[in-house]
Each structure stands twice: as C-alpha cells, then as structure tokens.
Amino acid sequence: SYYQSHPVIDISEAHYQLLLYECKAIQKELNGANTTLALVQTRCQLICLLISKIAEGGSADFEGDHSNPIITKYIALVDLHFKQEHSVAFYAGKLHISPNYLNIICRKNLHAAASSLIYDRILLEAKRLLKVSEMSVKDIVYALGFYDHANFSKFFRSQTGMTPTQFKEF
C-alpha cells in the first residue's frame, strides 16, 4: 500500500545517474547483435531493487504508514472512494472513529491533515487525467466528484497555481 499511495519519489542526482546507467546498459544490450535476455532481466531486477532501496531509505514516513493499521485502512479507503467522497467524516465513519481522531492519527503518523491525503489523491488523479486522457476538463470535473467547473478550478489552482486548462496545455 505504501507504493500505491506514494507513486512518485524524489531521488538524488547520484541515484539518478546510477539508474540512468543501468537503463542505458539495457538499451545497449537490446540494440546489440547478440542480445542476452538473462542479462537484460538481471539488470531490470537490479533497477527494481535500487528503486525499492531508495524509496524505503529516503522516506521518513514509511514506518508511519505501516505502524498504525488505521492509517493503512484510511489510505486504502481513500484510494477506493476519492472520486465520490471528499470529506474526512465519510472516511472516519467507515473506520468507526471520529473525524477529529482520524485527523489526530494522521498528523501524528503522517505529519499531515487527514483532508490533505484526500486532496493529494484527487489532485494526482486530476493531473493524470488532464495529461494522459482525452477527457475534457468538464468530464474530469464530474468524474472526480466535483459539482461544478468553478469549484474544481478553484481547488486545482490553489494546489498547483494553474488552471486545469493551463495545466493540460503545459
């Protein structure tokens, strides 16, 4: 669940160069006359191990996500319902706790408000849909559970500094 809720990781320049070297070595092997698939597979496994090591070592909240089962369940619920439900009260109800207690747990374990996890997930999906899909902004607004374009635009602009249309064209 950690990797699903943290799909992007920041890496240092040294780690980037190491990963880039391995990727270029795979490309060179695949472009060569006598490709050894076992070598390509081994390099791919090495890249996966490096990324796992970087993600686990560089994340201060990795242990926090797994040390409290409520947080794990909350993250899973947000992933399931973020398109329809934007309120902390809904998720707290599903977890059989008060919204205030959910917020306290999130602040303690994740150093963020419970609502910020919901907003981050909505924003991630909005960015993905704006960049990758052929959906119009209007369709994205309704797909993400917003009732009007203005409300979504205000939310998106407050998070990114751009309107959805600007982001899509950027």
N, C-alpha and C. Protein backbone atom coordinates (compact mmCIF):
# COMPACT_ATOMS: atom_id res chain seq x y z
N SER A 1 0.82 -1.20 0.00
CA SER A 1 0.00 0.00 0.00
C SER A 1 0.86 1.25 0.00
N TYR A 2 2.08 1.17 0.50
CA TYR A 2 2.95 2.34 0.52
C TYR A 2 3.21 2.85 -0.89
N TYR A 3 3.57 1.95 -1.81
CA TYR A 3 3.90 2.38 -3.16
C TYR A 3 2.69 2.90 -3.90
N GLN A 4 1.49 2.38 -3.59
CA GLN A 4 0.28 2.88 -4.24
C GLN A 4 -0.04 4.28 -3.77
N SER A 5 0.23 4.59 -2.52
CA SER A 5 -0.09 5.92 -2.02
C SER A 5 1.05 6.91 -2.21
N HIS A 6 2.21 6.47 -2.63
CA HIS A 6 3.35 7.33 -2.91
C HIS A 6 3.95 6.97 -4.27
N PRO A 7 3.23 7.28 -5.36
CA PRO A 7 3.70 6.82 -6.67
C PRO A 7 4.92 7.56 -7.22
N VAL A 8 5.29 8.66 -6.60
CA VAL A 8 6.44 9.44 -7.06
C VAL A 8 7.42 9.58 -5.91
N ILE A 9 8.69 9.33 -6.18
CA ILE A 9 9.71 9.52 -5.14
C ILE A 9 10.77 10.48 -5.68
N ASP A 10 11.32 11.26 -4.78
CA ASP A 10 12.44 12.13 -5.14
C ASP A 10 13.72 11.35 -4.96
N ILE A 11 14.62 11.47 -5.94
CA ILE A 11 15.90 10.78 -5.83
C ILE A 11 17.03 11.78 -6.02
N SER A 12 18.16 11.44 -5.46
CA SER A 12 19.33 12.31 -5.58
C SER A 12 19.92 12.19 -6.98
N GLU A 13 20.78 13.10 -7.30
CA GLU A 13 21.46 13.08 -8.61
C GLU A 13 22.30 11.82 -8.75
N ALA A 14 22.94 11.39 -7.67
CA ALA A 14 23.77 10.18 -7.72
C ALA A 14 22.92 8.94 -8.01
N HIS A 15 21.78 8.84 -7.35
CA HIS A 15 20.89 7.71 -7.62
C HIS A 15 20.35 7.76 -9.04
N TYR A 16 20.01 8.97 -9.49
CA TYR A 16 19.52 9.13 -10.86
C TYR A 16 20.57 8.65 -11.86
N GLN A 17 21.80 9.04 -11.66
CA GLN A 17 22.87 8.64 -12.59
C GLN A 17 23.06 7.12 -12.57
N LEU A 18 22.94 6.51 -11.41
CA LEU A 18 23.08 5.07 -11.30
C LEU A 18 21.95 4.36 -12.06
N LEU A 19 20.73 4.82 -11.89
CA LEU A 19 19.59 4.24 -12.60
C LEU A 19 19.70 4.48 -14.10
N LEU A 20 20.14 5.67 -14.47
CA LEU A 20 20.31 6.00 -15.89
C LEU A 20 21.37 5.10 -16.53
N TYR A 21 22.45 4.84 -15.81
CA TYR A 21 23.50 3.96 -16.31
C TYR A 21 22.93 2.57 -16.60
N GLU A 22 22.15 2.04 -15.66
CA GLU A 22 21.58 0.70 -15.85
C GLU A 22 20.59 0.68 -17.02
N CYS A 23 19.80 1.72 -17.15
CA CYS A 23 18.85 1.79 -18.27
C CYS A 23 19.57 1.86 -19.61
N LYS A 24 20.64 2.64 -19.66
CA LYS A 24 21.41 2.74 -20.91
C LYS A 24 22.11 1.42 -21.23
N ALA A 25 22.56 0.70 -20.20
CA ALA A 25 23.18 -0.61 -20.40
C ALA A 25 22.17 -1.60 -20.98
N ILE A 26 20.92 -1.52 -20.50
CA ILE A 26 19.86 -2.38 -21.06
C ILE A 26 19.60 -2.01 -22.51
N GLN A 27 19.52 -0.72 -22.78
CA GLN A 27 19.28 -0.27 -24.16
C GLN A 27 20.41 -0.73 -25.09
N LYS A 28 21.64 -0.62 -24.63
CA LYS A 28 22.79 -1.05 -25.42
C LYS A 28 22.72 -2.55 -25.69
N GLU A 29 22.36 -3.31 -24.68
CA GLU A 29 22.26 -4.76 -24.83
C GLU A 29 21.15 -5.13 -25.83
N LEU A 30 20.02 -4.44 -25.75
CA LEU A 30 18.91 -4.73 -26.65
C LEU A 30 19.20 -4.31 -28.10
N ASN A 31 20.02 -3.30 -28.27
CA ASN A 31 20.38 -2.84 -29.62
C ASN A 31 21.53 -3.64 -30.24
N GLY A 32 22.20 -4.43 -29.42
CA GLY A 32 23.33 -5.22 -29.91
C GLY A 32 22.89 -6.40 -30.77
N ALA A 33 23.84 -6.98 -31.43
CA ALA A 33 23.56 -8.10 -32.33
C ALA A 33 23.21 -9.38 -31.55
N ASN A 34 23.93 -9.67 -30.51
CA ASN A 34 23.71 -10.88 -29.73
C ASN A 34 23.13 -10.52 -28.36
N THR A 35 21.84 -10.29 -28.32
CA THR A 35 21.17 -9.89 -27.07
C THR A 35 21.06 -11.09 -26.13
N THR A 36 21.50 -10.87 -24.90
CA THR A 36 21.37 -11.88 -23.86
C THR A 36 20.23 -11.45 -22.94
N LEU A 37 19.10 -12.13 -23.08
CA LEU A 37 17.93 -11.74 -22.32
C LEU A 37 18.12 -11.91 -20.82
N ALA A 38 18.92 -12.88 -20.42
CA ALA A 38 19.18 -13.08 -18.99
C ALA A 38 19.89 -11.86 -18.41
N LEU A 39 20.78 -11.24 -19.18
CA LEU A 39 21.48 -10.05 -18.74
C LEU A 39 20.50 -8.87 -18.61
N VAL A 40 19.62 -8.73 -19.57
CA VAL A 40 18.61 -7.67 -19.53
C VAL A 40 17.71 -7.86 -18.32
N GLN A 41 17.27 -9.09 -18.09
CA GLN A 41 16.40 -9.39 -16.96
C GLN A 41 17.11 -9.10 -15.63
N THR A 42 18.35 -9.45 -15.53
CA THR A 42 19.11 -9.21 -14.30
C THR A 42 19.27 -7.72 -14.05
N ARG A 43 19.54 -6.96 -15.11
CA ARG A 43 19.66 -5.50 -14.95
C ARG A 43 18.32 -4.88 -14.54
N CYS A 44 17.23 -5.39 -15.08
CA CYS A 44 15.90 -4.92 -14.68
C CYS A 44 15.64 -5.20 -13.21
N GLN A 45 16.01 -6.38 -12.75
CA GLN A 45 15.85 -6.72 -11.35
C GLN A 45 16.70 -5.80 -10.47
N LEU A 46 17.90 -5.49 -10.94
CA LEU A 46 18.78 -4.58 -10.21
C LEU A 46 18.14 -3.19 -10.10
N ILE A 47 17.56 -2.72 -11.18
CA ILE A 47 16.88 -1.41 -11.16
C ILE A 47 15.74 -1.43 -10.15
N CYS A 48 14.95 -2.49 -10.14
CA CYS A 48 13.84 -2.60 -9.20
C CYS A 48 14.34 -2.61 -7.75
N LEU A 49 15.40 -3.33 -7.50
CA LEU A 49 15.96 -3.37 -6.14
C LEU A 49 16.50 -2.00 -5.72
N LEU A 50 17.16 -1.32 -6.64
CA LEU A 50 17.67 0.02 -6.34
C LEU A 50 16.54 0.99 -6.02
N ILE A 51 15.48 0.94 -6.81
CA ILE A 51 14.35 1.83 -6.57
C ILE A 51 13.70 1.52 -5.22
N SER A 52 13.54 0.25 -4.89
CA SER A 52 12.97 -0.12 -3.59
C SER A 52 13.84 0.38 -2.45
N LYS A 53 15.13 0.22 -2.60
CA LYS A 53 16.06 0.66 -1.56
C LYS A 53 16.00 2.18 -1.40
N ILE A 54 15.96 2.90 -2.51
CA ILE A 54 15.89 4.36 -2.47
C ILE A 54 14.58 4.80 -1.82
N ALA A 55 13.46 4.18 -2.22
CA ALA A 55 12.15 4.56 -1.69
C ALA A 55 12.04 4.30 -0.20
N GLU A 56 12.51 3.15 0.24
CA GLU A 56 12.41 2.81 1.66
C GLU A 56 13.38 3.63 2.50
N GLY A 57 14.57 3.85 1.99
CA GLY A 57 15.57 4.58 2.75
C GLY A 57 15.32 6.06 2.80
N GLY A 58 14.72 6.61 1.76
CA GLY A 58 14.53 8.04 1.68
C GLY A 58 13.22 8.53 2.23
N SER A 59 12.40 7.67 2.73
CA SER A 59 11.09 8.09 3.18
C SER A 59 10.99 8.07 4.69
N ALA A 60 10.75 9.23 5.27
CA ALA A 60 10.65 9.32 6.72
C ALA A 60 9.33 8.74 7.22
N ASP A 61 8.30 8.74 6.37
CA ASP A 61 7.01 8.26 6.85
C ASP A 61 6.73 6.82 6.46
N PHE A 62 7.70 6.08 5.96
CA PHE A 62 7.48 4.70 5.56
C PHE A 62 7.01 3.87 6.74
N GLU A 63 7.69 3.98 7.86
CA GLU A 63 7.31 3.21 9.04
C GLU A 63 5.96 3.68 9.57
N GLY A 64 5.70 4.99 9.48
CA GLY A 64 4.44 5.52 9.98
C GLY A 64 3.25 4.94 9.25
N ASP A 65 3.36 4.71 7.96
CA ASP A 65 2.26 4.15 7.19
C ASP A 65 1.90 2.76 7.67
N HIS A 66 2.89 2.02 8.12
CA HIS A 66 2.66 0.62 8.46
C HIS A 66 2.54 0.38 9.95
N SER A 67 2.87 1.38 10.77
CA SER A 67 2.84 1.16 12.20
C SER A 67 1.44 1.29 12.77
N ASN A 68 0.53 1.91 12.05
CA ASN A 68 -0.82 2.09 12.55
C ASN A 68 -1.81 1.52 11.54
N PRO A 69 -2.56 0.49 11.92
CA PRO A 69 -3.49 -0.12 10.97
C PRO A 69 -4.60 0.82 10.51
N ILE A 70 -4.94 1.81 11.32
CA ILE A 70 -5.96 2.77 10.91
C ILE A 70 -5.47 3.58 9.71
N ILE A 71 -4.20 3.96 9.73
CA ILE A 71 -3.63 4.72 8.61
C ILE A 71 -3.65 3.87 7.34
N THR A 72 -3.27 2.61 7.46
CA THR A 72 -3.27 1.71 6.30
C THR A 72 -4.67 1.57 5.73
N LYS A 73 -5.66 1.39 6.60
CA LYS A 73 -7.05 1.27 6.15
C LYS A 73 -7.54 2.58 5.55
N TYR A 74 -7.16 3.69 6.16
CA TYR A 74 -7.57 5.01 5.66
C TYR A 74 -7.04 5.25 4.25
N ILE A 75 -5.78 4.96 4.03
CA ILE A 75 -5.18 5.14 2.70
C ILE A 75 -5.89 4.26 1.68
N ALA A 76 -6.19 3.02 2.05
CA ALA A 76 -6.90 2.11 1.14
C ALA A 76 -8.30 2.64 0.83
N LEU A 77 -8.99 3.16 1.84
CA LEU A 77 -10.33 3.71 1.63
C LEU A 77 -10.29 4.94 0.72
N VAL A 78 -9.31 5.79 0.92
CA VAL A 78 -9.17 6.97 0.07
C VAL A 78 -8.96 6.55 -1.37
N ASP A 79 -8.12 5.55 -1.60
CA ASP A 79 -7.88 5.06 -2.96
C ASP A 79 -9.16 4.51 -3.59
N LEU A 80 -10.04 3.93 -2.79
CA LEU A 80 -11.28 3.36 -3.31
C LEU A 80 -12.36 4.41 -3.59
N HIS A 81 -12.45 5.42 -2.72
CA HIS A 81 -13.61 6.31 -2.75
C HIS A 81 -13.31 7.77 -3.07
N PHE A 82 -12.07 8.15 -3.37
CA PHE A 82 -11.74 9.57 -3.52
C PHE A 82 -12.52 10.27 -4.62
N LYS A 83 -12.99 9.54 -5.62
CA LYS A 83 -13.74 10.18 -6.70
C LYS A 83 -15.13 10.61 -6.26
N GLN A 84 -15.71 9.90 -5.31
CA GLN A 84 -17.06 10.23 -4.87
C GLN A 84 -17.08 10.98 -3.54
N GLU A 85 -16.14 10.66 -2.66
CA GLU A 85 -16.19 11.18 -1.29
C GLU A 85 -14.96 12.04 -1.00
N HIS A 86 -15.21 13.29 -0.63
CA HIS A 86 -14.12 14.22 -0.37
C HIS A 86 -14.05 14.66 1.09
N SER A 87 -14.93 14.13 1.93
CA SER A 87 -14.97 14.58 3.32
C SER A 87 -14.29 13.58 4.26
N VAL A 88 -13.59 14.12 5.23
CA VAL A 88 -12.93 13.30 6.25
C VAL A 88 -13.98 12.53 7.05
N ALA A 89 -15.15 13.12 7.24
CA ALA A 89 -16.22 12.48 8.02
C ALA A 89 -16.64 11.15 7.40
N PHE A 90 -16.70 11.07 6.08
CA PHE A 90 -17.07 9.82 5.42
C PHE A 90 -16.07 8.71 5.79
N TYR A 91 -14.78 9.01 5.65
CA TYR A 91 -13.75 8.00 5.91
C TYR A 91 -13.69 7.64 7.39
N ALA A 92 -13.86 8.63 8.25
CA ALA A 92 -13.88 8.36 9.69
C ALA A 92 -15.04 7.43 10.03
N GLY A 93 -16.19 7.67 9.40
CA GLY A 93 -17.35 6.79 9.62
C GLY A 93 -17.07 5.37 9.20
N LYS A 94 -16.41 5.19 8.06
CA LYS A 94 -16.05 3.85 7.59
C LYS A 94 -15.09 3.16 8.55
N LEU A 95 -14.25 3.96 9.21
CA LEU A 95 -13.27 3.41 10.14
C LEU A 95 -13.82 3.32 11.57
N HIS A 96 -15.06 3.80 11.77
CA HIS A 96 -15.73 3.77 13.07
C HIS A 96 -14.98 4.59 14.12
N ILE A 97 -14.49 5.75 13.68
CA ILE A 97 -13.84 6.70 14.59
C ILE A 97 -14.36 8.10 14.24
N SER A 98 -14.05 9.06 15.07
CA SER A 98 -14.50 10.43 14.80
C SER A 98 -13.54 11.09 13.81
N PRO A 99 -14.04 12.07 13.05
CA PRO A 99 -13.15 12.80 12.13
C PRO A 99 -11.98 13.45 12.86
N ASN A 100 -12.24 13.96 14.06
CA ASN A 100 -11.18 14.59 14.84
C ASN A 100 -10.08 13.58 15.19
N TYR A 101 -10.47 12.37 15.59
CA TYR A 101 -9.48 11.35 15.94
C TYR A 101 -8.69 10.92 14.71
N LEU A 102 -9.36 10.80 13.57
CA LEU A 102 -8.65 10.45 12.33
C LEU A 102 -7.63 11.52 12.00
N ASN A 103 -8.00 12.76 12.19
CA ASN A 103 -7.07 13.87 11.92
C ASN A 103 -5.87 13.81 12.87
N ILE A 104 -6.12 13.51 14.13
CA ILE A 104 -5.03 13.40 15.12
C ILE A 104 -4.07 12.28 14.72
N ILE A 105 -4.62 11.13 14.33
CA ILE A 105 -3.77 9.99 13.93
C ILE A 105 -2.95 10.34 12.69
N CYS A 106 -3.57 11.00 11.72
CA CYS A 106 -2.84 11.38 10.50
C CYS A 106 -1.72 12.37 10.81
N ARG A 107 -2.02 13.35 11.64
CA ARG A 107 -0.99 14.33 11.99
C ARG A 107 0.17 13.67 12.75
N LYS A 108 -0.15 12.73 13.63
CA LYS A 108 0.88 12.06 14.41
C LYS A 108 1.76 11.16 13.53
N ASN A 109 1.12 10.38 12.65
CA ASN A 109 1.86 9.39 11.87
C ASN A 109 2.37 9.90 10.53
N LEU A 110 1.63 10.79 9.89
CA LEU A 110 1.98 11.25 8.55
C LEU A 110 2.40 12.71 8.50
N HIS A 111 2.24 13.40 9.62
CA HIS A 111 2.57 14.83 9.70
C HIS A 111 1.78 15.64 8.68
N ALA A 112 0.53 15.24 8.48
CA ALA A 112 -0.36 15.94 7.55
C ALA A 112 -1.79 15.75 8.03
N ALA A 113 -2.65 16.69 7.65
CA ALA A 113 -4.07 16.58 7.99
C ALA A 113 -4.70 15.45 7.19
N ALA A 114 -5.75 14.86 7.74
CA ALA A 114 -6.46 13.78 7.05
C ALA A 114 -6.99 14.25 5.71
N SER A 115 -7.47 15.48 5.65
CA SER A 115 -8.01 16.02 4.39
C SER A 115 -6.94 16.15 3.31
N SER A 116 -5.71 16.39 3.71
CA SER A 116 -4.65 16.56 2.70
C SER A 116 -4.39 15.27 1.93
N LEU A 117 -4.58 14.12 2.57
CA LEU A 117 -4.43 12.86 1.84
C LEU A 117 -5.50 12.72 0.76
N ILE A 118 -6.72 13.13 1.09
CA ILE A 118 -7.81 13.08 0.11
C ILE A 118 -7.50 14.04 -1.04
N TYR A 119 -7.13 15.27 -0.70
CA TYR A 119 -6.85 16.28 -1.73
C TYR A 119 -5.67 15.89 -2.59
N ASP A 120 -4.64 15.31 -1.98
CA ASP A 120 -3.47 14.86 -2.75
C ASP A 120 -3.86 13.77 -3.75
N ARG A 121 -4.72 12.87 -3.33
CA ARG A 121 -5.15 11.78 -4.22
C ARG A 121 -6.01 12.32 -5.36
N ILE A 122 -6.91 13.24 -5.04
CA ILE A 122 -7.74 13.86 -6.08
C ILE A 122 -6.86 14.62 -7.07
N LEU A 123 -5.91 15.37 -6.55
CA LEU A 123 -5.02 16.16 -7.40
C LEU A 123 -4.17 15.26 -8.29
N LEU A 124 -3.66 14.17 -7.75
CA LEU A 124 -2.87 13.23 -8.55
C LEU A 124 -3.70 12.68 -9.71
N GLU A 125 -4.93 12.29 -9.42
CA GLU A 125 -5.79 11.75 -10.47
C GLU A 125 -6.17 12.83 -11.48
N ALA A 126 -6.43 14.04 -10.99
CA ALA A 126 -6.75 15.15 -11.90
C ALA A 126 -5.59 15.41 -12.86
N LYS A 127 -4.39 15.46 -12.34
CA LYS A 127 -3.22 15.68 -13.20
C LYS A 127 -3.06 14.55 -14.21
N ARG A 128 -3.26 13.33 -13.74
CA ARG A 128 -3.14 12.18 -14.65
C ARG A 128 -4.16 12.28 -15.77
N LEU A 129 -5.40 12.55 -15.42
CA LEU A 129 -6.45 12.63 -16.43
C LEU A 129 -6.23 13.80 -17.39
N LEU A 130 -5.77 14.92 -16.87
CA LEU A 130 -5.52 16.09 -17.72
C LEU A 130 -4.40 15.83 -18.72
N LYS A 131 -3.38 15.12 -18.31
CA LYS A 131 -2.22 14.88 -19.17
C LYS A 131 -2.38 13.68 -20.09
N VAL A 132 -3.00 12.61 -19.60
CA VAL A 132 -2.97 11.33 -20.31
C VAL A 132 -4.27 11.05 -21.07
N SER A 133 -5.39 11.42 -20.49
CA SER A 133 -6.66 11.05 -21.11
C SER A 133 -7.09 12.07 -22.16
N GLU A 134 -8.06 11.67 -22.92
CA GLU A 134 -8.66 12.56 -23.92
C GLU A 134 -9.92 13.22 -23.37
N MET A 135 -10.17 13.05 -22.08
CA MET A 135 -11.36 13.62 -21.46
C MET A 135 -11.29 15.14 -21.45
N SER A 136 -12.44 15.77 -21.59
CA SER A 136 -12.49 17.22 -21.47
C SER A 136 -12.39 17.60 -20.00
N VAL A 137 -12.07 18.85 -19.73
CA VAL A 137 -11.99 19.31 -18.35
C VAL A 137 -13.35 19.13 -17.68
N LYS A 138 -14.42 19.40 -18.40
CA LYS A 138 -15.77 19.25 -17.87
C LYS A 138 -16.03 17.80 -17.43
N ASP A 139 -15.63 16.84 -18.26
CA ASP A 139 -15.80 15.43 -17.91
C ASP A 139 -14.96 15.04 -16.70
N ILE A 140 -13.77 15.59 -16.60
CA ILE A 140 -12.89 15.31 -15.46
C ILE A 140 -13.49 15.86 -14.18
N VAL A 141 -14.08 17.06 -14.27
CA VAL A 141 -14.73 17.68 -13.12
C VAL A 141 -15.76 16.72 -12.51
N TYR A 142 -16.62 16.17 -13.34
CA TYR A 142 -17.67 15.28 -12.85
C TYR A 142 -17.12 13.90 -12.47
N ALA A 143 -16.10 13.44 -13.15
CA ALA A 143 -15.51 12.14 -12.82
C ALA A 143 -14.85 12.15 -11.44
N LEU A 144 -14.39 13.32 -11.03
CA LEU A 144 -13.73 13.44 -9.73
C LEU A 144 -14.66 13.90 -8.62
N GLY A 145 -15.96 13.93 -8.89
CA GLY A 145 -16.93 14.22 -7.85
C GLY A 145 -17.16 15.68 -7.54
N PHE A 146 -16.71 16.57 -8.40
CA PHE A 146 -16.99 17.99 -8.21
C PHE A 146 -18.30 18.31 -8.92
N TYR A 147 -19.06 19.25 -8.37
CA TYR A 147 -20.37 19.54 -8.94
C TYR A 147 -20.37 20.67 -9.95
N ASP A 148 -19.31 21.44 -9.96
CA ASP A 148 -19.23 22.48 -11.00
C ASP A 148 -17.78 22.77 -11.34
N HIS A 149 -17.61 23.33 -12.50
CA HIS A 149 -16.28 23.62 -13.04
C HIS A 149 -15.55 24.64 -12.17
N ALA A 150 -16.26 25.64 -11.68
CA ALA A 150 -15.63 26.70 -10.89
C ALA A 150 -15.02 26.15 -9.60
N ASN A 151 -15.74 25.26 -8.93
CA ASN A 151 -15.25 24.67 -7.69
C ASN A 151 -13.98 23.86 -7.95
N PHE A 152 -13.99 23.06 -9.01
CA PHE A 152 -12.82 22.26 -9.36
C PHE A 152 -11.64 23.17 -9.74
N SER A 153 -11.91 24.19 -10.54
CA SER A 153 -10.84 25.11 -10.96
C SER A 153 -10.22 25.81 -9.77
N LYS A 154 -11.06 26.23 -8.82
CA LYS A 154 -10.55 26.89 -7.61
C LYS A 154 -9.65 25.92 -6.82
N PHE A 155 -10.12 24.68 -6.65
CA PHE A 155 -9.32 23.65 -5.95
C PHE A 155 -8.00 23.42 -6.68
N PHE A 156 -8.06 23.20 -7.99
CA PHE A 156 -6.87 22.87 -8.76
C PHE A 156 -5.88 24.03 -8.75
N ARG A 157 -6.38 25.24 -8.91
CA ARG A 157 -5.49 26.41 -8.93
C ARG A 157 -4.83 26.62 -7.57
N SER A 158 -5.57 26.37 -6.49
CA SER A 158 -4.99 26.56 -5.15
C SER A 158 -3.87 25.55 -4.90
N GLN A 159 -3.96 24.38 -5.52
CA GLN A 159 -2.96 23.33 -5.32
C GLN A 159 -1.76 23.47 -6.26
N THR A 160 -1.99 23.96 -7.47
CA THR A 160 -0.93 23.96 -8.49
C THR A 160 -0.50 25.34 -8.95
N GLY A 161 -1.34 26.34 -8.72
CA GLY A 161 -1.04 27.68 -9.23
C GLY A 161 -1.44 27.87 -10.68
N MET A 162 -2.08 26.87 -11.27
CA MET A 162 -2.54 26.94 -12.66
C MET A 162 -3.99 26.50 -12.74
N THR A 163 -4.65 26.92 -13.80
CA THR A 163 -5.99 26.40 -14.05
C THR A 163 -5.85 25.02 -14.67
N PRO A 164 -6.89 24.20 -14.64
CA PRO A 164 -6.81 22.89 -15.28
C PRO A 164 -6.47 22.97 -16.77
N THR A 165 -7.02 23.95 -17.45
CA THR A 165 -6.74 24.12 -18.89
C THR A 165 -5.28 24.47 -19.12
N GLN A 166 -4.74 25.37 -18.30
CA GLN A 166 -3.32 25.71 -18.42
C GLN A 166 -2.44 24.50 -18.19
N PHE A 167 -2.79 23.70 -17.18
CA PHE A 167 -2.01 22.51 -16.87
C PHE A 167 -2.07 21.52 -18.03
N LYS A 168 -3.24 21.34 -18.61
CA LYS A 168 -3.41 20.39 -19.70
C LYS A 168 -2.57 20.80 -20.91
N GLU A 169 -2.48 22.10 -21.18
CA GLU A 169 -1.73 22.61 -22.32
C GLU A 169 -0.24 22.72 -22.04
N PHE A 170 0.14 22.75 -20.77
CA PHE A 170 1.54 22.93 -20.34
C PHE A 170 2.35 21.75 -20.66
